Amino acid sequence: MRPFICGLDAALRLIGGKWKPLILFFLARQPMRYGELKRSIDGVSDKMLIQQLKEMERHGIVSRTDHGEVPPRVDYALTDFGRGLSAAFVSLCEWGEAHQTEITEALLETS
């Protein structure tokens, strides 16, 4: 593995991509079952959501609790490590909400 350039590089390697930040966002609000999470994230496939959750669990960001019930009930939640990471996203979320118009215009210009 190549060394990290900076702290941002380290964080983005861990949670970069299209789906992990959204998973982090929704789980920061509350623990969720798989189906709830899937319905919350528009456009994510089952395969991709499962893959991302497994990676986040392996990296210590998300915990998975299987309640051993029939029908199966599995909850996903942020670990302490994941909650610390989600706190770093608060400013980014606020910035994105405050600048949605400019962001939309910028993205439309480049597409």
PDB file of N, CA and C in Angstrom:
ATOM      1  N   MET A   1       0.844  -1.179   0.000  1.00  0.00           N
ATOM      2  CA  MET A   1       0.000   0.000   0.000  1.00  0.00           C
ATOM      3  C   MET A   1       0.888   1.240   0.000  1.00  0.00           C
ATOM      4  N   ARG A   2       0.535   2.195  -0.841  1.00  0.00           N
ATOM      5  CA  ARG A   2       1.325   3.426  -0.885  1.00  0.00           C
ATOM      6  C   ARG A   2       1.006   4.289   0.335  1.00  0.00           C
ATOM      7  N   PRO A   3       1.962   5.093   0.793  1.00  0.00           N
ATOM      8  CA  PRO A   3       1.734   5.943   1.964  1.00  0.00           C
ATOM      9  C   PRO A   3       0.659   6.996   1.685  1.00  0.00           C
ATOM     10  N   PHE A   4       0.014   7.429   2.745  1.00  0.00           N
ATOM     11  CA  PHE A   4      -0.983   8.491   2.626  1.00  0.00           C
ATOM     12  C   PHE A   4      -0.287   9.815   2.377  1.00  0.00           C
ATOM     13  N   ILE A   5      -0.876  10.634   1.522  1.00  0.00           N
ATOM     14  CA  ILE A   5      -0.344  11.963   1.243  1.00  0.00           C
ATOM     15  C   ILE A   5      -0.655  12.896   2.402  1.00  0.00           C
ATOM     16  N   CYS A   6      -1.873  12.747   2.948  1.00  0.00           N
ATOM     17  CA  CYS A   6      -2.327  13.584   4.059  1.00  0.00           C
ATOM     18  C   CYS A   6      -3.502  12.880   4.727  1.00  0.00           C
ATOM     19  N   GLY A   7      -4.035  13.484   5.768  1.00  0.00           N
ATOM     20  CA  GLY A   7      -5.174  12.904   6.474  1.00  0.00           C
ATOM     21  C   GLY A   7      -6.399  12.750   5.590  1.00  0.00           C
ATOM     22  N   LEU A   8      -6.612  13.702   4.697  1.00  0.00           N
ATOM     23  CA  LEU A   8      -7.752  13.613   3.782  1.00  0.00           C
ATOM     24  C   LEU A   8      -7.607  12.398   2.872  1.00  0.00           C
ATOM     25  N   ASP A   9      -6.414  12.156   2.378  1.00  0.00           N
ATOM     26  CA  ASP A   9      -6.147  10.987   1.542  1.00  0.00           C
ATOM     27  C   ASP A   9      -6.473   9.713   2.318  1.00  0.00           C
ATOM     28  N   ALA A  10      -6.063   9.648   3.576  1.00  0.00           N
ATOM     29  CA  ALA A  10      -6.336   8.474   4.410  1.00  0.00           C
ATOM     30  C   ALA A  10      -7.839   8.259   4.566  1.00  0.00           C
ATOM     31  N   ALA A  11      -8.562   9.324   4.894  1.00  0.00           N
ATOM     32  CA  ALA A  11     -10.010   9.217   5.097  1.00  0.00           C
ATOM     33  C   ALA A  11     -10.727   8.825   3.809  1.00  0.00           C
ATOM     34  N   LEU A  12     -10.337   9.445   2.695  1.00  0.00           N
ATOM     35  CA  LEU A  12     -11.008   9.150   1.431  1.00  0.00           C
ATOM     36  C   LEU A  12     -10.733   7.735   0.941  1.00  0.00           C
ATOM     37  N   ARG A  13      -9.576   7.205   1.247  1.00  0.00           N
ATOM     38  CA  ARG A  13      -9.310   5.810   0.870  1.00  0.00           C
ATOM     39  C   ARG A  13     -10.231   4.871   1.634  1.00  0.00           C
ATOM     40  N   LEU A  14     -10.583   5.272   2.846  1.00  0.00           N
ATOM     41  CA  LEU A  14     -11.441   4.432   3.678  1.00  0.00           C
ATOM     42  C   LEU A  14     -12.912   4.556   3.298  1.00  0.00           C
ATOM     43  N   ILE A  15     -13.376   5.754   2.986  1.00  0.00           N
ATOM     44  CA  ILE A  15     -14.810   5.951   2.760  1.00  0.00           C
ATOM     45  C   ILE A  15     -15.112   6.620   1.425  1.00  0.00           C
ATOM     46  N   GLY A  16     -14.149   6.640   0.516  1.00  0.00           N
ATOM     47  CA  GLY A  16     -14.381   7.251  -0.782  1.00  0.00           C
ATOM     48  C   GLY A  16     -15.323   6.423  -1.634  1.00  0.00           C
ATOM     49  N   GLY A  17     -15.798   7.018  -2.687  1.00  0.00           N
ATOM     50  CA  GLY A  17     -16.691   6.337  -3.609  1.00  0.00           C
ATOM     51  C   GLY A  17     -18.078   6.937  -3.577  1.00  0.00           C
ATOM     52  N   LYS A  18     -18.941   6.343  -4.334  1.00  0.00           N
ATOM     53  CA  LYS A  18     -20.289   6.884  -4.504  1.00  0.00           C
ATOM     54  C   LYS A  18     -21.213   6.548  -3.338  1.00  0.00           C
ATOM     55  N   TRP A  19     -21.082   5.365  -2.746  1.00  0.00           N
ATOM     56  CA  TRP A  19     -22.084   4.890  -1.800  1.00  0.00           C
ATOM     57  C   TRP A  19     -21.689   5.007  -0.340  1.00  0.00           C
ATOM     58  N   LYS A  20     -20.425   4.854   0.000  1.00  0.00           N
ATOM     59  CA  LYS A  20     -20.031   4.855   1.412  1.00  0.00           C
ATOM     60  C   LYS A  20     -20.384   6.146   2.142  1.00  0.00           C
ATOM     61  N   PRO A  21     -20.180   7.321   1.547  1.00  0.00           N
ATOM     62  CA  PRO A  21     -20.587   8.536   2.266  1.00  0.00           C
ATOM     63  C   PRO A  21     -22.090   8.574   2.555  1.00  0.00           C
ATOM     64  N   LEU A  22     -22.910   8.065   1.639  1.00  0.00           N
ATOM     65  CA  LEU A  22     -24.355   8.044   1.873  1.00  0.00           C
ATOM     66  C   LEU A  22     -24.727   7.035   2.955  1.00  0.00           C
ATOM     67  N   ILE A  23     -24.074   5.890   2.953  1.00  0.00           N
ATOM     68  CA  ILE A  23     -24.301   4.903   4.013  1.00  0.00           C
ATOM     69  C   ILE A  23     -23.943   5.528   5.354  1.00  0.00           C
ATOM     70  N   LEU A  24     -22.809   6.184   5.410  1.00  0.00           N
ATOM     71  CA  LEU A  24     -22.357   6.859   6.628  1.00  0.00           C
ATOM     72  C   LEU A  24     -23.376   7.907   7.070  1.00  0.00           C
ATOM     73  N   PHE A  25     -23.875   8.693   6.128  1.00  0.00           N
ATOM     74  CA  PHE A  25     -24.853   9.739   6.425  1.00  0.00           C
ATOM     75  C   PHE A  25     -26.107   9.156   7.072  1.00  0.00           C
ATOM     76  N   PHE A  26     -26.675   8.111   6.473  1.00  0.00           N
ATOM     77  CA  PHE A  26     -27.920   7.553   6.997  1.00  0.00           C
ATOM     78  C   PHE A  26     -27.718   6.820   8.317  1.00  0.00           C
ATOM     79  N   LEU A  27     -26.610   6.093   8.453  1.00  0.00           N
ATOM     80  CA  LEU A  27     -26.374   5.381   9.711  1.00  0.00           C
ATOM     81  C   LEU A  27     -25.990   6.328  10.844  1.00  0.00           C
ATOM     82  N   ALA A  28     -25.523   7.527  10.518  1.00  0.00           N
ATOM     83  CA  ALA A  28     -25.224   8.513  11.563  1.00  0.00           C
ATOM     84  C   ALA A  28     -26.512   8.981  12.237  1.00  0.00           C
ATOM     85  N   ARG A  29     -27.616   8.929  11.524  1.00  0.00           N
ATOM     86  CA  ARG A  29     -28.909   9.330  12.087  1.00  0.00           C
ATOM     87  C   ARG A  29     -29.432   8.295  13.068  1.00  0.00           C
ATOM     88  N   GLN A  30     -29.312   7.014  12.673  1.00  0.00           N
ATOM     89  CA  GLN A  30     -29.824   5.921  13.507  1.00  0.00           C
ATOM     90  C   GLN A  30     -29.399   4.589  12.911  1.00  0.00           C
ATOM     91  N   PRO A  31     -29.340   3.537  13.730  1.00  0.00           N
ATOM     92  CA  PRO A  31     -29.111   2.205  13.173  1.00  0.00           C
ATOM     93  C   PRO A  31     -30.265   1.859  12.226  1.00  0.00           C
ATOM     94  N   MET A  32     -29.963   1.086  11.206  1.00  0.00           N
ATOM     95  CA  MET A  32     -30.984   0.748  10.212  1.00  0.00           C
ATOM     96  C   MET A  32     -30.870  -0.711   9.803  1.00  0.00           C
ATOM     97  N   ARG A  33     -32.003  -1.263   9.408  1.00  0.00           N
ATOM     98  CA  ARG A  33     -32.012  -2.587   8.807  1.00  0.00           C
ATOM     99  C   ARG A  33     -31.609  -2.441   7.344  1.00  0.00           C
ATOM    100  N   TYR A  34     -31.208  -3.546   6.746  1.00  0.00           N
ATOM    101  CA  TYR A  34     -30.736  -3.515   5.361  1.00  0.00           C
ATOM    102  C   TYR A  34     -31.774  -2.888   4.429  1.00  0.00           C
ATOM    103  N   GLY A  35     -33.013  -3.329   4.517  1.00  0.00           N
ATOM    104  CA  GLY A  35     -34.063  -2.833   3.625  1.00  0.00           C
ATOM    105  C   GLY A  35     -34.299  -1.338   3.776  1.00  0.00           C
ATOM    106  N   GLU A  36     -34.233  -0.850   5.009  1.00  0.00           N
ATOM    107  CA  GLU A  36     -34.403   0.593   5.244  1.00  0.00           C
ATOM    108  C   GLU A  36     -33.281   1.371   4.571  1.00  0.00           C
ATOM    109  N   LEU A  37     -32.086   0.868   4.719  1.00  0.00           N
ATOM    110  CA  LEU A  37     -30.920   1.521   4.120  1.00  0.00           C
ATOM    111  C   LEU A  37     -31.026   1.502   2.594  1.00  0.00           C
ATOM    112  N   LYS A  38     -31.424   0.372   2.044  1.00  0.00           N
ATOM    113  CA  LYS A  38     -31.568   0.235   0.587  1.00  0.00           C
ATOM    114  C   LYS A  38     -32.598   1.217   0.049  1.00  0.00           C
ATOM    115  N   ARG A  39     -33.726   1.358   0.748  1.00  0.00           N
ATOM    116  CA  ARG A  39     -34.765   2.297   0.303  1.00  0.00           C
ATOM    117  C   ARG A  39     -34.311   3.749   0.435  1.00  0.00           C
ATOM    118  N   SER A  40     -33.423   4.029   1.349  1.00  0.00           N
ATOM    119  CA  SER A  40     -32.949   5.398   1.582  1.00  0.00           C
ATOM    120  C   SER A  40     -31.951   5.864   0.530  1.00  0.00           C
ATOM    121  N   ILE A  41     -31.225   4.919  -0.068  1.00  0.00           N
ATOM    122  CA  ILE A  41     -30.158   5.269  -1.009  1.00  0.00           C
ATOM    123  C   ILE A  41     -30.620   4.956  -2.428  1.00  0.00           C
ATOM    124  N   ASP A  42     -31.090   5.969  -3.105  1.00  0.00           N
ATOM    125  CA  ASP A  42     -31.639   5.826  -4.451  1.00  0.00           C
ATOM    126  C   ASP A  42     -30.567   5.368  -5.443  1.00  0.00           C
ATOM    127  N   GLY A  43     -30.859   4.276  -6.149  1.00  0.00           N
ATOM    128  CA  GLY A  43     -29.983   3.832  -7.224  1.00  0.00           C
ATOM    129  C   GLY A  43     -28.949   2.785  -6.862  1.00  0.00           C
ATOM    130  N   VAL A  44     -28.775   2.474  -5.587  1.00  0.00           N
ATOM    131  CA  VAL A  44     -27.769   1.476  -5.216  1.00  0.00           C
ATOM    132  C   VAL A  44     -28.340   0.077  -5.445  1.00  0.00           C
ATOM    133  N   SER A  45     -27.531  -0.806  -6.024  1.00  0.00           N
ATOM    134  CA  SER A  45     -27.966  -2.190  -6.240  1.00  0.00           C
ATOM    135  C   SER A  45     -27.734  -2.997  -4.964  1.00  0.00           C
ATOM    136  N   ASP A  46     -28.431  -4.131  -4.859  1.00  0.00           N
ATOM    137  CA  ASP A  46     -28.229  -5.006  -3.704  1.00  0.00           C
ATOM    138  C   ASP A  46     -26.770  -5.436  -3.611  1.00  0.00           C
ATOM    139  N   LYS A  47     -26.209  -5.847  -4.744  1.00  0.00           N
ATOM    140  CA  LYS A  47     -24.826  -6.319  -4.767  1.00  0.00           C
ATOM    141  C   LYS A  47     -23.870  -5.247  -4.242  1.00  0.00           C
ATOM    142  N   MET A  48     -24.043  -4.014  -4.705  1.00  0.00           N
ATOM    143  CA  MET A  48     -23.142  -2.940  -4.309  1.00  0.00           C
ATOM    144  C   MET A  48     -23.329  -2.566  -2.840  1.00  0.00           C
ATOM    145  N   LEU A  49     -24.575  -2.498  -2.376  1.00  0.00           N
ATOM    146  CA  LEU A  49     -24.817  -2.143  -0.976  1.00  0.00           C
ATOM    147  C   LEU A  49     -24.227  -3.197  -0.049  1.00  0.00           C
ATOM    148  N   ILE A  50     -24.431  -4.459  -0.379  1.00  0.00           N
ATOM    149  CA  ILE A  50     -23.871  -5.540   0.437  1.00  0.00           C
ATOM    150  C   ILE A  50     -22.348  -5.452   0.452  1.00  0.00           C
ATOM    151  N   GLN A  51     -21.748  -5.237  -0.712  1.00  0.00           N
ATOM    152  CA  GLN A  51     -20.287  -5.131  -0.806  1.00  0.00           C
ATOM    153  C   GLN A  51     -19.770  -3.971   0.042  1.00  0.00           C
ATOM    154  N   GLN A  52     -20.410  -2.819  -0.060  1.00  0.00           N
ATOM    155  CA  GLN A  52     -19.955  -1.641   0.676  1.00  0.00           C
ATOM    156  C   GLN A  52     -20.122  -1.833   2.184  1.00  0.00           C
ATOM    157  N   LEU A  53     -21.242  -2.417   2.607  1.00  0.00           N
ATOM    158  CA  LEU A  53     -21.457  -2.668   4.034  1.00  0.00           C
ATOM    159  C   LEU A  53     -20.420  -3.645   4.578  1.00  0.00           C
ATOM    160  N   LYS A  54     -20.096  -4.688   3.810  1.00  0.00           N
ATOM    161  CA  LYS A  54     -19.078  -5.652   4.249  1.00  0.00           C
ATOM    162  C   LYS A  54     -17.716  -4.982   4.391  1.00  0.00           C
ATOM    163  N   GLU A  55     -17.358  -4.129   3.430  1.00  0.00           N
ATOM    164  CA  GLU A  55     -16.080  -3.418   3.518  1.00  0.00           C
ATOM    165  C   GLU A  55     -16.057  -2.494   4.733  1.00  0.00           C
ATOM    166  N   MET A  56     -17.147  -1.780   4.943  1.00  0.00           N
ATOM    167  CA  MET A  56     -17.203  -0.853   6.072  1.00  0.00           C
ATOM    168  C   MET A  56     -17.170  -1.606   7.399  1.00  0.00           C
ATOM    169  N   GLU A  57     -17.764  -2.792   7.444  1.00  0.00           N
ATOM    170  CA  GLU A  57     -17.704  -3.625   8.645  1.00  0.00           C
ATOM    171  C   GLU A  57     -16.268  -4.118   8.857  1.00  0.00           C
ATOM    172  N   ARG A  58     -15.637  -4.569   7.795  1.00  0.00           N
ATOM    173  CA  ARG A  58     -14.254  -5.058   7.874  1.00  0.00           C
ATOM    174  C   ARG A  58     -13.290  -3.959   8.326  1.00  0.00           C
ATOM    175  N   HIS A  59     -13.579  -2.708   7.938  1.00  0.00           N
ATOM    176  CA  HIS A  59     -12.722  -1.577   8.314  1.00  0.00           C
ATOM    177  C   HIS A  59     -13.088  -0.973   9.666  1.00  0.00           C
ATOM    178  N   GLY A  60     -14.077  -1.544  10.343  1.00  0.00           N
ATOM    179  CA  GLY A  60     -14.420  -1.090  11.688  1.00  0.00           C
ATOM    180  C   GLY A  60     -15.292   0.154  11.739  1.00  0.00           C
ATOM    181  N   ILE A  61     -15.935   0.498  10.624  1.00  0.00           N
ATOM    182  CA  ILE A  61     -16.783   1.691  10.569  1.00  0.00           C
ATOM    183  C   ILE A  61     -18.222   1.350  10.934  1.00  0.00           C
ATOM    184  N   VAL A  62     -18.661   0.169  10.518  1.00  0.00           N
ATOM    185  CA  VAL A  62     -20.043  -0.270  10.700  1.00  0.00           C
ATOM    186  C   VAL A  62     -20.054  -1.576  11.481  1.00  0.00           C
ATOM    187  N   SER A  63     -21.045  -1.714  12.353  1.00  0.00           N
ATOM    188  CA  SER A  63     -21.258  -3.000  13.022  1.00  0.00           C
ATOM    189  C   SER A  63     -22.535  -3.621  12.475  1.00  0.00           C
ATOM    190  N   ARG A  64     -22.538  -4.929  12.425  1.00  0.00           N
ATOM    191  CA  ARG A  64     -23.691  -5.687  11.927  1.00  0.00           C
ATOM    192  C   ARG A  64     -24.173  -6.574  13.062  1.00  0.00           C
ATOM    193  N   THR A  65     -25.450  -6.430  13.422  1.00  0.00           N
ATOM    194  CA  THR A  65     -26.023  -7.238  14.493  1.00  0.00           C
ATOM    195  C   THR A  65     -27.116  -8.121  13.923  1.00  0.00           C
ATOM    196  N   ASP A  66     -26.872  -9.429  13.965  1.00  0.00           N
ATOM    197  CA  ASP A  66     -27.865 -10.409  13.528  1.00  0.00           C
ATOM    198  C   ASP A  66     -28.610 -10.860  14.774  1.00  0.00           C
ATOM    199  N   HIS A  67     -29.907 -10.623  14.809  1.00  0.00           N
ATOM    200  CA  HIS A  67     -30.701 -10.933  15.995  1.00  0.00           C
ATOM    201  C   HIS A  67     -31.138 -12.393  16.048  1.00  0.00           C
ATOM    202  N   GLY A  68     -30.771 -13.183  15.047  1.00  0.00           N
ATOM    203  CA  GLY A  68     -31.064 -14.612  15.044  1.00  0.00           C
ATOM    204  C   GLY A  68     -32.549 -14.929  15.040  1.00  0.00           C
ATOM    205  N   GLU A  69     -33.329 -14.089  14.405  1.00  0.00           N
ATOM    206  CA  GLU A  69     -34.776 -14.283  14.360  1.00  0.00           C
ATOM    207  C   GLU A  69     -35.211 -14.776  12.983  1.00  0.00           C
ATOM    208  N   VAL A  70     -36.415 -15.318  12.936  1.00  0.00           N
ATOM    209  CA  VAL A  70     -37.034 -15.698  11.673  1.00  0.00           C
ATOM    210  C   VAL A  70     -38.333 -14.916  11.578  1.00  0.00           C
ATOM    211  N   PRO A  71     -38.537 -14.112  10.535  1.00  0.00           N
ATOM    212  CA  PRO A  71     -37.596 -13.843   9.451  1.00  0.00           C
ATOM    213  C   PRO A  71     -36.364 -13.108   9.965  1.00  0.00           C
ATOM    214  N   PRO A  72     -35.273 -13.183   9.202  1.00  0.00           N
ATOM    215  CA  PRO A  72     -34.016 -12.582   9.659  1.00  0.00           C
ATOM    216  C   PRO A  72     -34.155 -11.089   9.945  1.00  0.00           C
ATOM    217  N   ARG A  73     -33.542 -10.672  11.044  1.00  0.00           N
ATOM    218  CA  ARG A  73     -33.487  -9.242  11.372  1.00  0.00           C
ATOM    219  C   ARG A  73     -32.028  -8.899  11.648  1.00  0.00           C
ATOM    220  N   VAL A  74     -31.484  -8.050  10.783  1.00  0.00           N
ATOM    221  CA  VAL A  74     -30.091  -7.619  10.900  1.00  0.00           C
ATOM    222  C   VAL A  74     -30.082  -6.103  10.935  1.00  0.00           C
ATOM    223  N   ASP A  75     -29.394  -5.545  11.921  1.00  0.00           N
ATOM    224  CA  ASP A  75     -29.262  -4.094  12.038  1.00  0.00           C
ATOM    225  C   ASP A  75     -27.828  -3.687  11.733  1.00  0.00           C
ATOM    226  N   TYR A  76     -27.693  -2.537  11.089  1.00  0.00           N
ATOM    227  CA  TYR A  76     -26.388  -1.936  10.837  1.00  0.00           C
ATOM    228  C   TYR A  76     -26.316  -0.638  11.619  1.00  0.00           C
ATOM    229  N   ALA A  77     -25.172  -0.391  12.235  1.00  0.00           N
ATOM    230  CA  ALA A  77     -24.973   0.826  13.020  1.00  0.00           C
ATOM    231  C   ALA A  77     -23.522   1.256  12.882  1.00  0.00           C
ATOM    232  N   LEU A  78     -23.264   2.514  13.176  1.00  0.00           N
ATOM    233  CA  LEU A  78     -21.884   2.988  13.180  1.00  0.00           C
ATOM    234  C   LEU A  78     -21.198   2.563  14.465  1.00  0.00           C
ATOM    235  N   THR A  79     -19.951   2.202  14.356  1.00  0.00           N
ATOM    236  CA  THR A  79     -19.122   1.946  15.527  1.00  0.00           C
ATOM    237  C   THR A  79     -18.659   3.300  16.075  1.00  0.00           C
ATOM    238  N   ASP A  80     -17.941   3.295  17.189  1.00  0.00           N
ATOM    239  CA  ASP A  80     -17.371   4.549  17.702  1.00  0.00           C
ATOM    240  C   ASP A  80     -16.458   5.175  16.652  1.00  0.00           C
ATOM    241  N   PHE A  81     -15.673   4.347  15.991  1.00  0.00           N
ATOM    242  CA  PHE A  81     -14.782   4.813  14.923  1.00  0.00           C
ATOM    243  C   PHE A  81     -15.594   5.455  13.801  1.00  0.00           C
ATOM    244  N   GLY A  82     -16.685   4.818  13.412  1.00  0.00           N
ATOM    245  CA  GLY A  82     -17.552   5.341  12.363  1.00  0.00           C
ATOM    246  C   GLY A  82     -18.251   6.627  12.766  1.00  0.00           C
ATOM    247  N   ARG A  83     -18.664   6.724  14.041  1.00  0.00           N
ATOM    248  CA  ARG A  83     -19.302   7.957  14.511  1.00  0.00           C
ATOM    249  C   ARG A  83     -18.325   9.121  14.474  1.00  0.00           C
ATOM    250  N   GLY A  84     -17.078   8.868  14.804  1.00  0.00           N
ATOM    251  CA  GLY A  84     -16.062   9.916  14.714  1.00  0.00           C
ATOM    252  C   GLY A  84     -15.878  10.385  13.286  1.00  0.00           C
ATOM    253  N   LEU A  85     -15.915   9.456  12.374  1.00  0.00           N
ATOM    254  CA  LEU A  85     -15.794   9.778  10.956  1.00  0.00           C
ATOM    255  C   LEU A  85     -17.013  10.551  10.465  1.00  0.00           C
ATOM    256  N   SER A  86     -18.192  10.159  10.917  1.00  0.00           N
ATOM    257  CA  SER A  86     -19.405  10.853  10.473  1.00  0.00           C
ATOM    258  C   SER A  86     -19.434  12.287  10.982  1.00  0.00           C
ATOM    259  N   ALA A  87     -18.845  12.542  12.144  1.00  0.00           N
ATOM    260  CA  ALA A  87     -18.791  13.911  12.673  1.00  0.00           C
ATOM    261  C   ALA A  87     -18.020  14.821  11.721  1.00  0.00           C
ATOM    262  N   ALA A  88     -17.043  14.267  11.037  1.00  0.00           N
ATOM    263  CA  ALA A  88     -16.258  15.055  10.086  1.00  0.00           C
ATOM    264  C   ALA A  88     -17.082  15.451   8.863  1.00  0.00           C
ATOM    265  N   PHE A  89     -18.170  14.751   8.611  1.00  0.00           N
ATOM    266  CA  PHE A  89     -19.009  15.028   7.450  1.00  0.00           C
ATOM    267  C   PHE A  89     -20.029  16.137   7.688  1.00  0.00           C
ATOM    268  N   VAL A  90     -20.226  16.536   8.924  1.00  0.00           N
ATOM    269  CA  VAL A  90     -21.249  17.537   9.236  1.00  0.00           C
ATOM    270  C   VAL A  90     -21.013  18.820   8.452  1.00  0.00           C
ATOM    271  N   SER A  91     -19.799  19.335   8.476  1.00  0.00           N
ATOM    272  CA  SER A  91     -19.507  20.578   7.747  1.00  0.00           C
ATOM    273  C   SER A  91     -19.695  20.410   6.250  1.00  0.00           C
ATOM    274  N   LEU A  92     -19.303  19.272   5.722  1.00  0.00           N
ATOM    275  CA  LEU A  92     -19.468  19.012   4.295  1.00  0.00           C
ATOM    276  C   LEU A  92     -20.950  18.965   3.919  1.00  0.00           C
ATOM    277  N   CYS A  93     -21.766  18.332   4.756  1.00  0.00           N
ATOM    278  CA  CYS A  93     -23.213  18.282   4.511  1.00  0.00           C
ATOM    279  C   CYS A  93     -23.818  19.681   4.553  1.00  0.00           C
ATOM    280  N   GLU A  94     -23.423  20.474   5.537  1.00  0.00           N
ATOM    281  CA  GLU A  94     -23.940  21.841   5.653  1.00  0.00           C
ATOM    282  C   GLU A  94     -23.545  22.672   4.438  1.00  0.00           C
ATOM    283  N   TRP A  95     -22.301  22.525   3.997  1.00  0.00           N
ATOM    284  CA  TRP A  95     -21.834  23.253   2.820  1.00  0.00           C
ATOM    285  C   TRP A  95     -22.636  22.840   1.586  1.00  0.00           C
ATOM    286  N   GLY A  96     -22.846  21.540   1.411  1.00  0.00           N
ATOM    287  CA  GLY A  96     -23.602  21.041   0.268  1.00  0.00           C
ATOM    288  C   GLY A  96     -25.036  21.545   0.259  1.00  0.00           C
ATOM    289  N   GLU A  97     -25.663  21.577   1.429  1.00  0.00           N
ATOM    290  CA  GLU A  97     -27.036  22.076   1.511  1.00  0.00           C
ATOM    291  C   GLU A  97     -27.093  23.568   1.203  1.00  0.00           C
ATOM    292  N   ALA A  98     -26.126  24.320   1.689  1.00  0.00           N
ATOM    293  CA  ALA A  98     -26.111  25.769   1.481  1.00  0.00           C
ATOM    294  C   ALA A  98     -25.822  26.147   0.028  1.00  0.00           C
ATOM    295  N   HIS A  99     -25.173  25.258  -0.712  1.00  0.00           N
ATOM    296  CA  HIS A  99     -24.749  25.585  -2.077  1.00  0.00           C
ATOM    297  C   HIS A  99     -25.360  24.676  -3.143  1.00  0.00           C
ATOM    298  N   GLN A 100     -26.520  24.109  -2.867  1.00  0.00           N
ATOM    299  CA  GLN A 100     -27.131  23.170  -3.820  1.00  0.00           C
ATOM    300  C   GLN A 100     -27.358  23.795  -5.190  1.00  0.00           C
ATOM    301  N   THR A 101     -27.788  25.040  -5.228  1.00  0.00           N
ATOM    302  CA  THR A 101     -28.048  25.696  -6.520  1.00  0.00           C
ATOM    303  C   THR A 101     -26.765  25.810  -7.327  1.00  0.00           C
ATOM    304  N   GLU A 102     -25.697  26.308  -6.703  1.00  0.00           N
ATOM    305  CA  GLU A 102     -24.422  26.468  -7.400  1.00  0.00           C
ATOM    306  C   GLU A 102     -23.853  25.121  -7.845  1.00  0.00           C
ATOM    307  N   ILE A 103     -24.010  24.114  -6.998  1.00  0.00           N
ATOM    308  CA  ILE A 103     -23.507  22.781  -7.326  1.00  0.00           C
ATOM    309  C   ILE A 103     -24.265  22.223  -8.531  1.00  0.00           C
ATOM    310  N   THR A 104     -25.582  22.368  -8.512  1.00  0.00           N
ATOM    311  CA  THR A 104     -26.400  21.893  -9.632  1.00  0.00           C
ATOM    312  C   THR A 104     -25.990  22.579 -10.927  1.00  0.00           C
ATOM    313  N   GLU A 105     -25.829  23.895 -10.870  1.00  0.00           N
ATOM    314  CA  GLU A 105     -25.425  24.642 -12.066  1.00  0.00           C
ATOM    315  C   GLU A 105     -24.054  24.194 -12.565  1.00  0.00           C
ATOM    316  N   ALA A 106     -23.117  24.022 -11.655  1.00  0.00           N
ATOM    317  CA  ALA A 106     -21.765  23.603 -12.041  1.00  0.00           C
ATOM    318  C   ALA A 106     -21.787  22.218 -12.686  1.00  0.00           C
ATOM    319  N   LEU A 107     -22.572  21.309 -12.123  1.00  0.00           N
ATOM    320  CA  LEU A 107     -22.646  19.956 -12.672  1.00  0.00           C
ATOM    321  C   LEU A 107     -23.359  19.931 -14.018  1.00  0.00           C
ATOM    322  N   LEU A 108     -24.366  20.772 -14.185  1.00  0.00           N
ATOM    323  CA  LEU A 108     -25.066  20.840 -15.472  1.00  0.00           C
ATOM    324  C   LEU A 108     -24.170  21.399 -16.566  1.00  0.00           C
ATOM    325  N   GLU A 109     -23.312  22.348 -16.205  1.00  0.00           N
ATOM    326  CA  GLU A 109     -22.392  22.945 -17.185  1.00  0.00           C
ATOM    327  C   GLU A 109     -21.377  21.937 -17.698  1.00  0.00           C
ATOM    328  N   THR A 110     -20.998  20.990 -16.860  1.00  0.00           N
ATOM    329  CA  THR A 110     -19.959  20.038 -17.250  1.00  0.00           C
ATOM    330  C   THR A 110     -20.516  18.756 -17.855  1.00  0.00           C
ATOM    331  N   SER A 111     -21.839  18.623 -17.881  1.00  0.00           N
ATOM    332  CA  SER A 111     -22.394  17.369 -18.431  1.00  0.00           C
ATOM    333  C   SER A 111     -22.835  17.520 -19.863  1.00  0.00           C
TER     334      SER A 111
END
